[in-house]
């Protein structure tokens, strides 16, 4: 039987629900602050090439997000529709995040291709983790007031991650 309001959830459940966005935002902060410098200083890409890498991945992200939402909506497992993706995609997110910062040397054009492929793989894995997590909120917190409170606790964790990085 689903829990109806926030009081039905233990503090431990709410904290556990809040930890994933904290980790995801920490990874995003690392990428947003360090990737441009890595692409230009370590891989030797020009600023124009770096712009193409970032733009191509944002276009892919715009296509990838709705597709992942469709996949999650059509998923039927014993673990539910969102939980399997959260459990199975943590490792790919970690691997693709580290792949973004591997010091490779394939020449400038090879490094450019590597950067695009690595960043596309990262966004695919990140989307496969983030979209199901976003879909969990209405499944975990069935009433509107508990949903608002349950969703704001992770947001406060995201704000803490932003403050922590400064």
Protein backbone atom coordinates (compact mmCIF):
# COMPACT_ATOMS: atom_id res chain seq x y z
CA UNK A 1 0.00 0.00 0.00
CA UNK A 2 1.52 3.36 -1.02
CA UNK A 3 2.26 5.87 1.67
CA UNK A 4 -0.15 8.78 1.50
CA UNK A 5 1.71 11.68 3.07
CA UNK A 6 5.12 12.77 4.22
CA UNK A 7 4.53 11.64 7.80
CA UNK A 8 4.22 8.07 6.49
CA UNK A 9 7.82 8.26 5.22
CA UNK A 10 10.68 7.87 7.64
CA UNK A 11 13.42 10.48 7.86
CA UNK A 12 15.77 7.82 6.53
CA UNK A 13 13.63 7.35 3.39
CA UNK A 14 13.46 11.09 2.76
CA UNK A 15 17.23 11.49 3.22
CA UNK A 16 17.89 8.53 0.92
CA UNK A 17 15.59 10.10 -1.68
CA UNK A 18 17.55 13.36 -1.33
CA UNK A 19 21.04 11.90 -1.75
CA UNK A 20 20.84 11.08 -5.46
CA UNK A 21 20.35 14.68 -6.65
CA UNK A 22 23.18 15.77 -4.35
CA UNK A 23 25.52 13.32 -6.07
CA UNK A 24 24.24 14.16 -9.55
CA UNK A 25 24.67 17.87 -8.98
CA UNK A 26 28.17 17.34 -7.63
CA UNK A 27 29.07 15.52 -10.86
CA UNK A 28 27.42 18.23 -12.98
CA UNK A 29 29.29 20.94 -11.07
CA UNK A 30 32.59 19.16 -11.70
CA UNK A 31 31.84 18.88 -15.39
CA UNK A 32 30.55 22.44 -15.75
CA UNK A 33 33.60 23.93 -14.05
CA UNK A 34 36.41 21.70 -15.32
CA UNK A 35 35.44 20.29 -18.71
CA UNK A 36 36.06 23.43 -20.79
CA UNK A 37 39.54 23.81 -19.35
CA UNK A 38 40.24 20.10 -19.83
CA UNK A 39 39.11 20.15 -23.46
CA UNK A 40 41.27 23.15 -24.34
CA UNK A 41 44.32 22.67 -22.09
CA UNK A 42 44.69 18.88 -21.96
CA UNK A 43 43.11 17.66 -25.21
CA UNK A 44 44.30 20.71 -27.17
CA UNK A 45 40.94 21.52 -28.75
CA UNK A 46 40.28 25.01 -30.04
CA UNK A 47 37.51 27.05 -28.47
CA UNK A 48 35.40 26.49 -31.61
CA UNK A 49 35.83 22.72 -31.29
CA UNK A 50 34.91 22.91 -27.61
CA UNK A 51 31.78 24.85 -28.54
CA UNK A 52 30.83 22.17 -31.06
CA UNK A 53 31.34 19.43 -28.44
CA UNK A 54 29.12 21.24 -25.94
CA UNK A 55 26.47 22.14 -28.54
CA UNK A 56 26.26 18.66 -30.04
CA UNK A 57 25.72 17.12 -26.63
CA UNK A 58 23.00 19.61 -25.73
CA UNK A 59 21.16 18.77 -28.96
CA UNK A 60 21.49 15.06 -28.13
CA UNK A 61 20.22 15.77 -24.62
CA UNK A 62 17.11 17.45 -26.06
CA UNK A 63 16.37 14.29 -28.06
CA UNK A 64 17.49 11.85 -25.38
CA UNK A 65 15.35 13.15 -22.48
CA UNK A 66 11.92 12.57 -24.08
CA UNK A 67 13.04 9.17 -25.38
CA UNK A 68 14.11 8.10 -21.90
CA UNK A 69 10.81 9.35 -20.49
CA UNK A 70 8.97 7.21 -23.04
CA UNK A 71 11.09 4.18 -22.16
CA UNK A 72 10.48 4.67 -18.43
CA UNK A 73 6.72 5.07 -18.97
CA UNK A 74 6.58 1.77 -20.84
CA UNK A 75 8.70 -0.17 -18.33
CA UNK A 76 6.93 -2.80 -16.24
CA UNK A 77 9.08 -4.74 -13.77
CA UNK A 78 8.78 -6.16 -10.27
CA UNK A 79 10.95 -3.26 -9.11
CA UNK A 80 8.62 -0.70 -10.68
CA UNK A 81 9.11 1.58 -13.64
CA UNK A 82 11.87 3.89 -12.33
CA UNK A 83 13.88 1.96 -9.78
CA UNK A 84 15.62 -0.48 -12.18
CA UNK A 85 17.16 2.38 -14.14
CA UNK A 86 18.39 4.08 -10.98
CA UNK A 87 19.98 0.85 -9.77
CA UNK A 88 21.51 -0.12 -13.12
CA UNK A 89 22.81 3.23 -14.36
CA UNK A 90 24.89 4.48 -11.43
CA UNK A 91 28.00 2.59 -12.60
CA UNK A 92 27.70 3.77 -16.25
CA UNK A 93 27.41 7.38 -15.01
CA UNK A 94 30.58 6.98 -12.94
CA UNK A 95 32.45 5.32 -15.82
CA UNK A 96 31.38 7.85 -18.44
CA UNK A 97 32.15 10.75 -16.10
CA UNK A 98 35.69 9.49 -15.64
CA UNK A 99 35.89 8.82 -19.38
CA UNK A 100 35.30 12.54 -19.96
CA UNK A 101 38.59 13.30 -18.21
CA UNK A 102 40.85 10.50 -19.50
CA UNK A 103 44.10 12.02 -20.80
CA UNK A 104 44.03 10.67 -24.36
CA UNK A 105 46.28 11.65 -27.24
CA UNK A 106 44.78 10.86 -30.64
CA UNK A 107 45.85 14.12 -32.26
CA UNK A 108 43.59 17.15 -32.32
CA UNK A 109 40.97 15.65 -34.65
CA UNK A 110 41.00 12.32 -32.80
CA UNK A 111 40.70 14.09 -29.46
CA UNK A 112 37.78 16.09 -30.88
CA UNK A 113 36.00 12.89 -31.94
CA UNK A 114 36.81 11.29 -28.57
CA UNK A 115 35.42 14.29 -26.68
CA UNK A 116 32.15 14.21 -28.63
CA UNK A 117 31.72 10.44 -28.19
CA UNK A 118 32.62 10.53 -24.48
CA UNK A 119 30.28 13.44 -23.78
CA UNK A 120 27.42 11.83 -25.73
CA UNK A 121 27.88 8.60 -23.77
CA UNK A 122 27.97 10.59 -20.53
CA UNK A 123 24.72 12.42 -21.34
CA UNK A 124 23.05 9.18 -22.34
CA UNK A 125 24.01 7.52 -19.04
CA UNK A 126 23.16 10.66 -17.04
CA UNK A 127 19.73 10.87 -18.66
CA UNK A 128 19.10 7.17 -17.99
CA UNK A 129 19.66 7.92 -14.29
CA UNK A 130 18.13 11.39 -13.94
CA UNK A 131 14.83 10.98 -15.83
CA UNK A 132 13.73 7.93 -13.79
CA UNK A 133 14.73 9.74 -10.60
CA UNK A 134 12.60 12.73 -11.59
CA UNK A 135 9.74 10.32 -12.30
CA UNK A 136 10.03 8.84 -8.81
CA UNK A 137 8.73 11.94 -7.01
CA UNK A 138 5.04 11.43 -7.90
CA UNK A 139 5.38 7.69 -7.30
CA UNK A 140 6.97 8.04 -3.86
CA UNK A 141 4.91 10.99 -2.64
CA UNK A 142 1.31 10.50 -3.74
CA UNK A 143 -0.29 13.61 -2.22
CA UNK A 144 0.53 17.08 -3.50
CA UNK A 145 1.74 18.55 -0.15
CA UNK A 146 4.05 15.61 0.54
CA UNK A 147 5.30 15.74 -3.05
CA UNK A 148 6.15 19.43 -2.66
CA UNK A 149 8.00 18.78 0.59
CA UNK A 150 9.70 15.66 -0.74
CA UNK A 151 10.84 17.50 -3.85
CA UNK A 152 12.12 20.55 -1.96
CA UNK A 153 14.38 18.54 0.33
CA UNK A 154 16.46 17.35 -2.65
CA UNK A 155 16.47 20.91 -3.98
CA UNK A 156 17.90 22.11 -0.70
CA UNK A 157 20.58 19.38 -1.08
CA UNK A 158 21.32 20.76 -4.55
CA UNK A 159 21.68 24.26 -3.09
CA UNK A 160 24.06 22.87 -0.46
CA UNK A 161 26.14 21.28 -3.22
CA UNK A 162 26.32 24.61 -5.04
CA UNK A 163 27.41 26.41 -1.87
CA UNK A 164 29.88 23.65 -1.08
CA UNK A 165 31.65 24.09 -4.42
CA UNK A 166 32.26 27.84 -3.85
